[in-house]
Amino acid sequence: SVEILCVNDQPISEGFRGTIRMQDVRATEVESVEIYDSFRPGDVVRAAVISFGDRFSYYLSTARNELGVIYATSTSGEPLIPVSWHEMQDPRTKRKEKRKVAKVPAG
């Protein structure tokens, strides 16, 4: 489950929860999705709401290119740099970690 912090780039004050199900991580190769290889605790993820769960919970999707991890830290605490759509790298140790990386628009 995830904590929703912003809606349309606006911070929210109420606590809302969301869930990203395996079938909603990416649009292709859904059967091979591993949640731990896509997101880790503490990652900041851009996602789209696809449906309402209960009163304080939403189902979220990262199945578009612009959706996914936008900020993460390595196991050693260093900010990771995206190196592909499925990997981020610690710039100090050069160690790569798997993530479902968002393609951030240029500009």
PDB file of N, CA and C in Angstrom:
ATOM      1  N   SER A   1       0.838  -1.177   0.000  1.00  0.00           N
ATOM      2  CA  SER A   1       0.000   0.000   0.000  1.00  0.00           C
ATOM      3  C   SER A   1       0.881   1.236   0.000  1.00  0.00           C
ATOM      4  N   VAL A   2       0.317   2.340  -0.449  1.00  0.00           N
ATOM      5  CA  VAL A   2       1.058   3.588  -0.560  1.00  0.00           C
ATOM      6  C   VAL A   2       0.298   4.699   0.153  1.00  0.00           C
ATOM      7  N   GLU A   3       1.024   5.726   0.522  1.00  0.00           N
ATOM      8  CA  GLU A   3       0.414   6.920   1.095  1.00  0.00           C
ATOM      9  C   GLU A   3       0.344   7.965  -0.013  1.00  0.00           C
ATOM     10  N   ILE A   4      -0.836   8.522  -0.258  1.00  0.00           N
ATOM     11  CA  ILE A   4      -1.012   9.532  -1.298  1.00  0.00           C
ATOM     12  C   ILE A   4      -0.676  10.892  -0.700  1.00  0.00           C
ATOM     13  N   LEU A   5       0.301  11.585  -1.293  1.00  0.00           N
ATOM     14  CA  LEU A   5       0.787  12.856  -0.779  1.00  0.00           C
ATOM     15  C   LEU A   5       0.300  14.058  -1.579  1.00  0.00           C
ATOM     16  N   CYS A   6       0.080  13.879  -2.895  1.00  0.00           N
ATOM     17  CA  CYS A   6      -0.322  14.967  -3.782  1.00  0.00           C
ATOM     18  C   CYS A   6      -1.376  14.467  -4.756  1.00  0.00           C
ATOM     19  N   VAL A   7      -2.219  15.386  -5.187  1.00  0.00           N
ATOM     20  CA  VAL A   7      -3.172  15.120  -6.257  1.00  0.00           C
ATOM     21  C   VAL A   7      -3.023  16.253  -7.263  1.00  0.00           C
ATOM     22  N   ASN A   8      -2.717  15.915  -8.508  1.00  0.00           N
ATOM     23  CA  ASN A   8      -2.458  16.915  -9.554  1.00  0.00           C
ATOM     24  C   ASN A   8      -1.432  17.944  -9.105  1.00  0.00           C
ATOM     25  N   ASP A   9      -0.324  17.482  -8.560  1.00  0.00           N
ATOM     26  CA  ASP A   9       0.794  18.308  -8.099  1.00  0.00           C
ATOM     27  C   ASP A   9       0.459  19.213  -6.919  1.00  0.00           C
ATOM     28  N   GLN A  10      -0.686  19.013  -6.287  1.00  0.00           N
ATOM     29  CA  GLN A  10      -1.068  19.798  -5.113  1.00  0.00           C
ATOM     30  C   GLN A  10      -0.986  18.923  -3.867  1.00  0.00           C
ATOM     31  N   PRO A  11      -0.227  19.353  -2.854  1.00  0.00           N
ATOM     32  CA  PRO A  11      -0.166  18.566  -1.610  1.00  0.00           C
ATOM     33  C   PRO A  11      -1.545  18.464  -0.966  1.00  0.00           C
ATOM     34  N   ILE A  12      -1.814  17.332  -0.337  1.00  0.00           N
ATOM     35  CA  ILE A  12      -3.086  17.157   0.360  1.00  0.00           C
ATOM     36  C   ILE A  12      -2.814  17.012   1.851  1.00  0.00           C
ATOM     37  N   SER A  13      -3.763  17.466   2.641  1.00  0.00           N
ATOM     38  CA  SER A  13      -3.563  17.428   4.088  1.00  0.00           C
ATOM     39  C   SER A  13      -4.136  16.159   4.710  1.00  0.00           C
ATOM     40  N   GLU A  14      -5.177  15.600   4.112  1.00  0.00           N
ATOM     41  CA  GLU A  14      -5.768  14.376   4.645  1.00  0.00           C
ATOM     42  C   GLU A  14      -4.946  13.173   4.208  1.00  0.00           C
ATOM     43  N   GLY A  15      -4.929  12.171   5.057  1.00  0.00           N
ATOM     44  CA  GLY A  15      -4.205  10.953   4.713  1.00  0.00           C
ATOM     45  C   GLY A  15      -5.073  10.009   3.889  1.00  0.00           C
ATOM     46  N   PHE A  16      -4.652   9.733   2.675  1.00  0.00           N
ATOM     47  CA  PHE A  16      -5.329   8.761   1.824  1.00  0.00           C
ATOM     48  C   PHE A  16      -4.346   7.647   1.506  1.00  0.00           C
ATOM     49  N   ARG A  17      -4.845   6.459   1.366  1.00  0.00           N
ATOM     50  CA  ARG A  17      -4.026   5.292   1.049  1.00  0.00           C
ATOM     51  C   ARG A  17      -4.382   4.825  -0.355  1.00  0.00           C
ATOM     52  N   GLY A  18      -3.425   4.164  -0.956  1.00  0.00           N
ATOM     53  CA  GLY A  18      -3.647   3.589  -2.265  1.00  0.00           C
ATOM     54  C   GLY A  18      -2.984   2.231  -2.363  1.00  0.00           C
ATOM     55  N   THR A  19      -3.402   1.476  -3.346  1.00  0.00           N
ATOM     56  CA  THR A  19      -2.837   0.158  -3.609  1.00  0.00           C
ATOM     57  C   THR A  19      -2.480   0.068  -5.086  1.00  0.00           C
ATOM     58  N   ILE A  20      -1.266  -0.400  -5.366  1.00  0.00           N
ATOM     59  CA  ILE A  20      -0.860  -0.689  -6.741  1.00  0.00           C
ATOM     60  C   ILE A  20      -0.800  -2.206  -6.853  1.00  0.00           C
ATOM     61  N   ARG A  21      -1.743  -2.762  -7.594  1.00  0.00           N
ATOM     62  CA  ARG A  21      -1.779  -4.218  -7.762  1.00  0.00           C
ATOM     63  C   ARG A  21      -0.796  -4.638  -8.853  1.00  0.00           C
ATOM     64  N   MET A  22      -0.378  -5.896  -8.809  1.00  0.00           N
ATOM     65  CA  MET A  22       0.592  -6.406  -9.793  1.00  0.00           C
ATOM     66  C   MET A  22       0.144  -6.128 -11.223  1.00  0.00           C
ATOM     67  N   GLN A  23      -1.135  -6.330 -11.516  1.00  0.00           N
ATOM     68  CA  GLN A  23      -1.637  -6.143 -12.879  1.00  0.00           C
ATOM     69  C   GLN A  23      -1.688  -4.671 -13.291  1.00  0.00           C
ATOM     70  N   ASP A  24      -1.452  -3.750 -12.340  1.00  0.00           N
ATOM     71  CA  ASP A  24      -1.506  -2.320 -12.633  1.00  0.00           C
ATOM     72  C   ASP A  24      -0.132  -1.652 -12.630  1.00  0.00           C
ATOM     73  N   VAL A  25       0.942  -2.432 -12.514  1.00  0.00           N
ATOM     74  CA  VAL A  25       2.297  -1.866 -12.482  1.00  0.00           C
ATOM     75  C   VAL A  25       2.731  -1.428 -13.872  1.00  0.00           C
ATOM     76  N   ARG A  26       2.540  -2.289 -14.870  1.00  0.00           N
ATOM     77  CA  ARG A  26       2.916  -1.923 -16.238  1.00  0.00           C
ATOM     78  C   ARG A  26       1.935  -2.544 -17.216  1.00  0.00           C
ATOM     79  N   ALA A  27       1.957  -2.038 -18.440  1.00  0.00           N
ATOM     80  CA  ALA A  27       0.979  -2.454 -19.444  1.00  0.00           C
ATOM     81  C   ALA A  27       1.350  -3.770 -20.124  1.00  0.00           C
ATOM     82  N   THR A  28       2.633  -4.120 -20.142  1.00  0.00           N
ATOM     83  CA  THR A  28       3.079  -5.339 -20.816  1.00  0.00           C
ATOM     84  C   THR A  28       3.762  -6.263 -19.816  1.00  0.00           C
ATOM     85  N   GLU A  29       3.893  -7.522 -20.185  1.00  0.00           N
ATOM     86  CA  GLU A  29       4.565  -8.533 -19.354  1.00  0.00           C
ATOM     87  C   GLU A  29       4.042  -8.537 -17.915  1.00  0.00           C
ATOM     88  N   VAL A  30       2.736  -8.373 -17.777  1.00  0.00           N
ATOM     89  CA  VAL A  30       2.095  -8.273 -16.468  1.00  0.00           C
ATOM     90  C   VAL A  30       2.353  -9.512 -15.621  1.00  0.00           C
ATOM     91  N   GLU A  31       2.411 -10.676 -16.260  1.00  0.00           N
ATOM     92  CA  GLU A  31       2.597 -11.932 -15.525  1.00  0.00           C
ATOM     93  C   GLU A  31       3.973 -12.042 -14.871  1.00  0.00           C
ATOM     94  N   SER A  32       4.935 -11.239 -15.316  1.00  0.00           N
ATOM     95  CA  SER A  32       6.283 -11.325 -14.742  1.00  0.00           C
ATOM     96  C   SER A  32       6.583 -10.191 -13.749  1.00  0.00           C
ATOM     97  N   VAL A  33       5.585  -9.397 -13.394  1.00  0.00           N
ATOM     98  CA  VAL A  33       5.792  -8.284 -12.465  1.00  0.00           C
ATOM     99  C   VAL A  33       6.108  -8.799 -11.063  1.00  0.00           C
ATOM    100  N   GLU A  34       7.137  -8.250 -10.457  1.00  0.00           N
ATOM    101  CA  GLU A  34       7.472  -8.475  -9.055  1.00  0.00           C
ATOM    102  C   GLU A  34       7.386  -7.111  -8.379  1.00  0.00           C
ATOM    103  N   ILE A  35       6.505  -6.971  -7.409  1.00  0.00           N
ATOM    104  CA  ILE A  35       6.319  -5.678  -6.744  1.00  0.00           C
ATOM    105  C   ILE A  35       7.629  -5.168  -6.160  1.00  0.00           C
ATOM    106  N   TYR A  36       8.422  -6.039  -5.520  1.00  0.00           N
ATOM    107  CA  TYR A  36       9.676  -5.602  -4.907  1.00  0.00           C
ATOM    108  C   TYR A  36      10.682  -5.100  -5.941  1.00  0.00           C
ATOM    109  N   ASP A  37      10.608  -5.590  -7.174  1.00  0.00           N
ATOM    110  CA  ASP A  37      11.481  -5.106  -8.243  1.00  0.00           C
ATOM    111  C   ASP A  37      10.942  -3.836  -8.889  1.00  0.00           C
ATOM    112  N   SER A  38       9.752  -3.405  -8.486  1.00  0.00           N
ATOM    113  CA  SER A  38       9.130  -2.225  -9.061  1.00  0.00           C
ATOM    114  C   SER A  38       9.159  -1.037  -8.112  1.00  0.00           C
ATOM    115  N   PHE A  39       8.912  -1.291  -6.831  1.00  0.00           N
ATOM    116  CA  PHE A  39       8.834  -0.238  -5.815  1.00  0.00           C
ATOM    117  C   PHE A  39       9.414  -0.760  -4.511  1.00  0.00           C
ATOM    118  N   ARG A  40       9.944   0.154  -3.707  1.00  0.00           N
ATOM    119  CA  ARG A  40      10.452  -0.190  -2.383  1.00  0.00           C
ATOM    120  C   ARG A  40       9.888   0.808  -1.380  1.00  0.00           C
ATOM    121  N   PRO A  41       9.837   0.424  -0.111  1.00  0.00           N
ATOM    122  CA  PRO A  41       9.382   1.380   0.910  1.00  0.00           C
ATOM    123  C   PRO A  41      10.215   2.659   0.854  1.00  0.00           C
ATOM    124  N   GLY A  42       9.548   3.800   0.896  1.00  0.00           N
ATOM    125  CA  GLY A  42      10.222   5.094   0.839  1.00  0.00           C
ATOM    126  C   GLY A  42      10.317   5.701  -0.544  1.00  0.00           C
ATOM    127  N   ASP A  43      10.064   4.929  -1.601  1.00  0.00           N
ATOM    128  CA  ASP A  43      10.077   5.472  -2.961  1.00  0.00           C
ATOM    129  C   ASP A  43       8.948   6.486  -3.128  1.00  0.00           C
ATOM    130  N   VAL A  44       9.200   7.495  -3.955  1.00  0.00           N
ATOM    131  CA  VAL A  44       8.159   8.439  -4.351  1.00  0.00           C
ATOM    132  C   VAL A  44       7.715   8.008  -5.744  1.00  0.00           C
ATOM    133  N   VAL A  45       6.413   7.744  -5.876  1.00  0.00           N
ATOM    134  CA  VAL A  45       5.864   7.164  -7.098  1.00  0.00           C
ATOM    135  C   VAL A  45       4.785   8.071  -7.670  1.00  0.00           C
ATOM    136  N   ARG A  46       4.866   8.340  -8.973  1.00  0.00           N
ATOM    137  CA  ARG A  46       3.784   9.043  -9.675  1.00  0.00           C
ATOM    138  C   ARG A  46       2.850   7.959 -10.211  1.00  0.00           C
ATOM    139  N   ALA A  47       1.565   8.063  -9.841  1.00  0.00           N
ATOM    140  CA  ALA A  47       0.581   7.046 -10.241  1.00  0.00           C
ATOM    141  C   ALA A  47      -0.733   7.717 -10.609  1.00  0.00           C
ATOM    142  N   ALA A  48      -1.564   6.983 -11.315  1.00  0.00           N
ATOM    143  CA  ALA A  48      -2.901   7.462 -11.683  1.00  0.00           C
ATOM    144  C   ALA A  48      -3.939   6.663 -10.912  1.00  0.00           C
ATOM    145  N   VAL A  49      -4.988   7.358 -10.461  1.00  0.00           N
ATOM    146  CA  VAL A  49      -6.102   6.677  -9.807  1.00  0.00           C
ATOM    147  C   VAL A  49      -6.917   5.980 -10.885  1.00  0.00           C
ATOM    148  N   ILE A  50      -7.149   4.672 -10.720  1.00  0.00           N
ATOM    149  CA  ILE A  50      -7.953   3.948 -11.707  1.00  0.00           C
ATOM    150  C   ILE A  50      -9.329   3.579 -11.174  1.00  0.00           C
ATOM    151  N   SER A  51      -9.468   3.505  -9.832  1.00  0.00           N
ATOM    152  CA  SER A  51     -10.790   3.267  -9.253  1.00  0.00           C
ATOM    153  C   SER A  51     -10.742   3.535  -7.763  1.00  0.00           C
ATOM    154  N   PHE A  52     -11.908   3.696  -7.197  1.00  0.00           N
ATOM    155  CA  PHE A  52     -12.025   3.921  -5.769  1.00  0.00           C
ATOM    156  C   PHE A  52     -12.116   2.593  -5.055  1.00  0.00           C
ATOM    157  N   GLY A  53     -11.404   2.470  -3.962  1.00  0.00           N
ATOM    158  CA  GLY A  53     -11.525   1.295  -3.109  1.00  0.00           C
ATOM    159  C   GLY A  53     -12.627   1.581  -2.107  1.00  0.00           C
ATOM    160  N   ASP A  54     -12.265   1.715  -0.850  1.00  0.00           N
ATOM    161  CA  ASP A  54     -13.245   2.127   0.150  1.00  0.00           C
ATOM    162  C   ASP A  54     -13.119   3.639   0.370  1.00  0.00           C
ATOM    163  N   ARG A  55     -13.634   4.119   1.476  1.00  0.00           N
ATOM    164  CA  ARG A  55     -13.696   5.560   1.725  1.00  0.00           C
ATOM    165  C   ARG A  55     -12.336   6.256   1.727  1.00  0.00           C
ATOM    166  N   PHE A  56     -11.284   5.593   2.187  1.00  0.00           N
ATOM    167  CA  PHE A  56      -9.972   6.224   2.280  1.00  0.00           C
ATOM    168  C   PHE A  56      -8.904   5.484   1.489  1.00  0.00           C
ATOM    169  N   SER A  57      -9.288   4.723   0.485  1.00  0.00           N
ATOM    170  CA  SER A  57      -8.320   3.955  -0.275  1.00  0.00           C
ATOM    171  C   SER A  57      -8.670   3.967  -1.758  1.00  0.00           C
ATOM    172  N   TYR A  58      -7.643   3.991  -2.607  1.00  0.00           N
ATOM    173  CA  TYR A  58      -7.815   4.041  -4.049  1.00  0.00           C
ATOM    174  C   TYR A  58      -6.933   2.986  -4.696  1.00  0.00           C
ATOM    175  N   TYR A  59      -7.375   2.479  -5.853  1.00  0.00           N
ATOM    176  CA  TYR A  59      -6.523   1.620  -6.658  1.00  0.00           C
ATOM    177  C   TYR A  59      -5.766   2.516  -7.623  1.00  0.00           C
ATOM    178  N   LEU A  60      -4.453   2.305  -7.693  1.00  0.00           N
ATOM    179  CA  LEU A  60      -3.570   3.148  -8.497  1.00  0.00           C
ATOM    180  C   LEU A  60      -2.896   2.333  -9.584  1.00  0.00           C
ATOM    181  N   SER A  61      -2.476   3.021 -10.652  1.00  0.00           N
ATOM    182  CA  SER A  61      -1.778   2.372 -11.754  1.00  0.00           C
ATOM    183  C   SER A  61      -0.504   3.142 -12.091  1.00  0.00           C
ATOM    184  N   THR A  62       0.522   2.395 -12.481  1.00  0.00           N
ATOM    185  CA  THR A  62       1.752   2.978 -13.030  1.00  0.00           C
ATOM    186  C   THR A  62       2.005   2.404 -14.427  1.00  0.00           C
ATOM    187  N   ALA A  63       0.938   2.004 -15.110  1.00  0.00           N
ATOM    188  CA  ALA A  63       1.056   1.282 -16.380  1.00  0.00           C
ATOM    189  C   ALA A  63       1.274   2.174 -17.601  1.00  0.00           C
ATOM    190  N   ARG A  64       1.585   3.427 -17.403  1.00  0.00           N
ATOM    191  CA  ARG A  64       1.955   4.307 -18.521  1.00  0.00           C
ATOM    192  C   ARG A  64       3.417   4.711 -18.333  1.00  0.00           C
ATOM    193  N   ASN A  65       4.068   5.093 -19.432  1.00  0.00           N
ATOM    194  CA  ASN A  65       5.496   5.425 -19.381  1.00  0.00           C
ATOM    195  C   ASN A  65       5.821   6.534 -18.401  1.00  0.00           C
ATOM    196  N   GLU A  66       4.962   7.539 -18.289  1.00  0.00           N
ATOM    197  CA  GLU A  66       5.247   8.682 -17.419  1.00  0.00           C
ATOM    198  C   GLU A  66       4.935   8.409 -15.945  1.00  0.00           C
ATOM    199  N   LEU A  67       4.481   7.200 -15.638  1.00  0.00           N
ATOM    200  CA  LEU A  67       4.143   6.823 -14.270  1.00  0.00           C
ATOM    201  C   LEU A  67       5.154   5.827 -13.728  1.00  0.00           C
ATOM    202  N   GLY A  68       5.428   5.918 -12.447  1.00  0.00           N
ATOM    203  CA  GLY A  68       6.374   5.017 -11.793  1.00  0.00           C
ATOM    204  C   GLY A  68       7.194   5.774 -10.768  1.00  0.00           C
ATOM    205  N   VAL A  69       8.335   5.222 -10.406  1.00  0.00           N
ATOM    206  CA  VAL A  69       9.200   5.823  -9.397  1.00  0.00           C
ATOM    207  C   VAL A  69       9.836   7.101  -9.955  1.00  0.00           C
ATOM    208  N   ILE A  70       9.689   8.197  -9.198  1.00  0.00           N
ATOM    209  CA  ILE A  70      10.327   9.460  -9.594  1.00  0.00           C
ATOM    210  C   ILE A  70      11.453   9.845  -8.639  1.00  0.00           C
ATOM    211  N   TYR A  71      11.497   9.206  -7.462  1.00  0.00           N
ATOM    212  CA  TYR A  71      12.581   9.439  -6.514  1.00  0.00           C
ATOM    213  C   TYR A  71      12.737   8.204  -5.646  1.00  0.00           C
ATOM    214  N   ALA A  72      13.973   7.801  -5.459  1.00  0.00           N
ATOM    215  CA  ALA A  72      14.264   6.646  -4.599  1.00  0.00           C
ATOM    216  C   ALA A  72      15.661   6.807  -4.028  1.00  0.00           C
ATOM    217  N   THR A  73      15.895   6.149  -2.906  1.00  0.00           N
ATOM    218  CA  THR A  73      17.242   6.110  -2.339  1.00  0.00           C
ATOM    219  C   THR A  73      17.727   4.665  -2.343  1.00  0.00           C
ATOM    220  N   SER A  74      19.033   4.521  -2.405  1.00  0.00           N
ATOM    221  CA  SER A  74      19.638   3.189  -2.413  1.00  0.00           C
ATOM    222  C   SER A  74      19.580   2.588  -1.020  1.00  0.00           C
ATOM    223  N   THR A  75      19.965   1.338  -0.917  1.00  0.00           N
ATOM    224  CA  THR A  75      20.012   0.681   0.391  1.00  0.00           C
ATOM    225  C   THR A  75      21.009   1.363   1.318  1.00  0.00           C
ATOM    226  N   SER A  76      21.965   2.112   0.744  1.00  0.00           N
ATOM    227  CA  SER A  76      22.926   2.854   1.566  1.00  0.00           C
ATOM    228  C   SER A  76      22.473   4.291   1.829  1.00  0.00           C
ATOM    229  N   GLY A  77      21.279   4.667   1.331  1.00  0.00           N
ATOM    230  CA  GLY A  77      20.721   5.985   1.605  1.00  0.00           C
ATOM    231  C   GLY A  77      21.021   7.058   0.576  1.00  0.00           C
ATOM    232  N   GLU A  78      21.729   6.721  -0.494  1.00  0.00           N
ATOM    233  CA  GLU A  78      22.050   7.694  -1.544  1.00  0.00           C
ATOM    234  C   GLU A  78      20.876   7.842  -2.515  1.00  0.00           C
ATOM    235  N   PRO A  79      20.588   9.077  -2.988  1.00  0.00           N
ATOM    236  CA  PRO A  79      19.560   9.238  -4.025  1.00  0.00           C
ATOM    237  C   PRO A  79      19.969   8.480  -5.289  1.00  0.00           C
ATOM    238  N   LEU A  80      19.031   7.749  -5.861  1.00  0.00           N
ATOM    239  CA  LEU A  80      19.297   6.966  -7.070  1.00  0.00           C
ATOM    240  C   LEU A  80      19.034   7.797  -8.319  1.00  0.00           C
ATOM    241  N   ILE A  81      19.767   7.479  -9.375  1.00  0.00           N
ATOM    242  CA  ILE A  81      19.633   8.124 -10.673  1.00  0.00           C
ATOM    243  C   ILE A  81      19.017   7.114 -11.644  1.00  0.00           C
ATOM    244  N   PRO A  82      17.956   7.489 -12.384  1.00  0.00           N
ATOM    245  CA  PRO A  82      17.397   6.557 -13.379  1.00  0.00           C
ATOM    246  C   PRO A  82      18.408   6.279 -14.490  1.00  0.00           C
ATOM    247  N   VAL A  83      18.565   4.998 -14.840  1.00  0.00           N
ATOM    248  CA  VAL A  83      19.447   4.631 -15.957  1.00  0.00           C
ATOM    249  C   VAL A  83      18.689   3.906 -17.065  1.00  0.00           C
ATOM    250  N   SER A  84      17.481   3.444 -16.781  1.00  0.00           N
ATOM    251  CA  SER A  84      16.615   2.834 -17.793  1.00  0.00           C
ATOM    252  C   SER A  84      15.199   2.832 -17.231  1.00  0.00           C
ATOM    253  N   TRP A  85      14.250   2.295 -17.971  1.00  0.00           N
ATOM    254  CA  TRP A  85      12.860   2.258 -17.493  1.00  0.00           C
ATOM    255  C   TRP A  85      12.668   1.258 -16.365  1.00  0.00           C
ATOM    256  N   HIS A  86      13.680   0.406 -16.113  1.00  0.00           N
ATOM    257  CA  HIS A  86      13.536  -0.603 -15.063  1.00  0.00           C
ATOM    258  C   HIS A  86      14.706  -0.655 -14.081  1.00  0.00           C
ATOM    259  N   GLU A  87      15.617   0.335 -14.147  1.00  0.00           N
ATOM    260  CA  GLU A  87      16.742   0.348 -13.213  1.00  0.00           C
ATOM    261  C   GLU A  87      17.116   1.768 -12.800  1.00  0.00           C
ATOM    262  N   MET A  88      17.588   1.871 -11.543  1.00  0.00           N
ATOM    263  CA  MET A  88      18.157   3.113 -11.036  1.00  0.00           C
ATOM    264  C   MET A  88      19.523   2.754 -10.462  1.00  0.00           C
ATOM    265  N   GLN A  89      20.420   3.759 -10.410  1.00  0.00           N
ATOM    266  CA  GLN A  89      21.789   3.479  -9.994  1.00  0.00           C
ATOM    267  C   GLN A  89      22.242   4.448  -8.897  1.00  0.00           C
ATOM    268  N   ASP A  90      22.969   3.897  -7.936  1.00  0.00           N
ATOM    269  CA  ASP A  90      23.603   4.693  -6.895  1.00  0.00           C
ATOM    270  C   ASP A  90      24.818   5.351  -7.542  1.00  0.00           C
ATOM    271  N   PRO A  91      24.879   6.688  -7.604  1.00  0.00           N
ATOM    272  CA  PRO A  91      25.996   7.346  -8.298  1.00  0.00           C
ATOM    273  C   PRO A  91      27.344   7.161  -7.595  1.00  0.00           C
ATOM    274  N   ARG A  92      27.319   6.862  -6.319  1.00  0.00           N
ATOM    275  CA  ARG A  92      28.568   6.689  -5.571  1.00  0.00           C
ATOM    276  C   ARG A  92      29.120   5.278  -5.735  1.00  0.00           C
ATOM    277  N   THR A  93      28.275   4.258  -5.516  1.00  0.00           N
ATOM    278  CA  THR A  93      28.742   2.872  -5.565  1.00  0.00           C
ATOM    279  C   THR A  93      28.596   2.237  -6.944  1.00  0.00           C
ATOM    280  N   LYS A  94      27.806   2.862  -7.814  1.00  0.00           N
ATOM    281  CA  LYS A  94      27.480   2.346  -9.166  1.00  0.00           C
ATOM    282  C   LYS A  94      26.589   1.100  -9.108  1.00  0.00           C
ATOM    283  N   ARG A  95      26.103   0.750  -7.930  1.00  0.00           N
ATOM    284  CA  ARG A  95      25.218  -0.404  -7.782  1.00  0.00           C
ATOM    285  C   ARG A  95      23.844  -0.064  -8.347  1.00  0.00           C
ATOM    286  N   LYS A  96      23.287  -0.979  -9.155  1.00  0.00           N
ATOM    287  CA  LYS A  96      21.980  -0.775  -9.764  1.00  0.00           C
ATOM    288  C   LYS A  96      20.904  -1.502  -8.958  1.00  0.00           C
ATOM    289  N   GLU A  97      19.733  -0.879  -8.909  1.00  0.00           N
ATOM    290  CA  GLU A  97      18.579  -1.465  -8.238  1.00  0.00           C
ATOM    291  C   GLU A  97      17.391  -1.413  -9.187  1.00  0.00           C
ATOM    292  N   LYS A  98      16.587  -2.469  -9.172  1.00  0.00           N
ATOM    293  CA  LYS A  98      15.422  -2.532 -10.039  1.00  0.00           C
ATOM    294  C   LYS A  98      14.312  -1.643  -9.506  1.00  0.00           C
ATOM    295  N   ARG A  99      13.633  -0.947 -10.421  1.00  0.00           N
ATOM    296  CA  ARG A  99      12.459  -0.130 -10.144  1.00  0.00           C
ATOM    297  C   ARG A  99      11.646  -0.026 -11.426  1.00  0.00           C
ATOM    298  N   LYS A 100      10.367   0.308 -11.302  1.00  0.00           N
ATOM    299  CA  LYS A 100       9.536   0.681 -12.451  1.00  0.00           C
ATOM    300  C   LYS A 100       9.678   2.210 -12.524  1.00  0.00           C
ATOM    301  N   VAL A 101      10.579   2.690 -13.358  1.00  0.00           N
ATOM    302  CA  VAL A 101      10.959   4.087 -13.388  1.00  0.00           C
ATOM    303  C   VAL A 101      10.008   4.879 -14.288  1.00  0.00           C
ATOM    304  N   ALA A 102       9.570   6.044 -13.790  1.00  0.00           N
ATOM    305  CA  ALA A 102       8.733   6.944 -14.590  1.00  0.00           C
ATOM    306  C   ALA A 102       9.614   7.662 -15.602  1.00  0.00           C
ATOM    307  N   LYS A 103       9.108   7.799 -16.806  1.00  0.00           N
ATOM    308  CA  LYS A 103       9.790   8.611 -17.822  1.00  0.00           C
ATOM    309  C   LYS A 103       9.334  10.049 -17.589  1.00  0.00           C
ATOM    310  N   VAL A 104      10.229  10.848 -17.011  1.00  0.00           N
ATOM    311  CA  VAL A 104       9.886  12.233 -16.686  1.00  0.00           C
ATOM    312  C   VAL A 104      10.052  13.072 -17.934  1.00  0.00           C
ATOM    313  N   PRO A 105       9.009  13.870 -18.294  1.00  0.00           N
ATOM    314  CA  PRO A 105       9.118  14.697 -19.485  1.00  0.00           C
ATOM    315  C   PRO A 105      10.243  15.715 -19.370  1.00  0.00           C
ATOM    316  N   ALA A 106      10.949  15.964 -20.462  1.00  0.00           N
ATOM    317  CA  ALA A 106      12.023  16.944 -20.481  1.00  0.00           C
ATOM    318  C   ALA A 106      11.436  18.357 -20.403  1.00  0.00           C
ATOM    319  N   GLY A 107      12.181  19.255 -19.766  1.00  0.00           N
ATOM    320  CA  GLY A 107      11.773  20.652 -19.735  1.00  0.00           C
ATOM    321  C   GLY A 107      11.207  20.976 -18.447  1.00  0.00           C
TER     322      GLY A 107
END
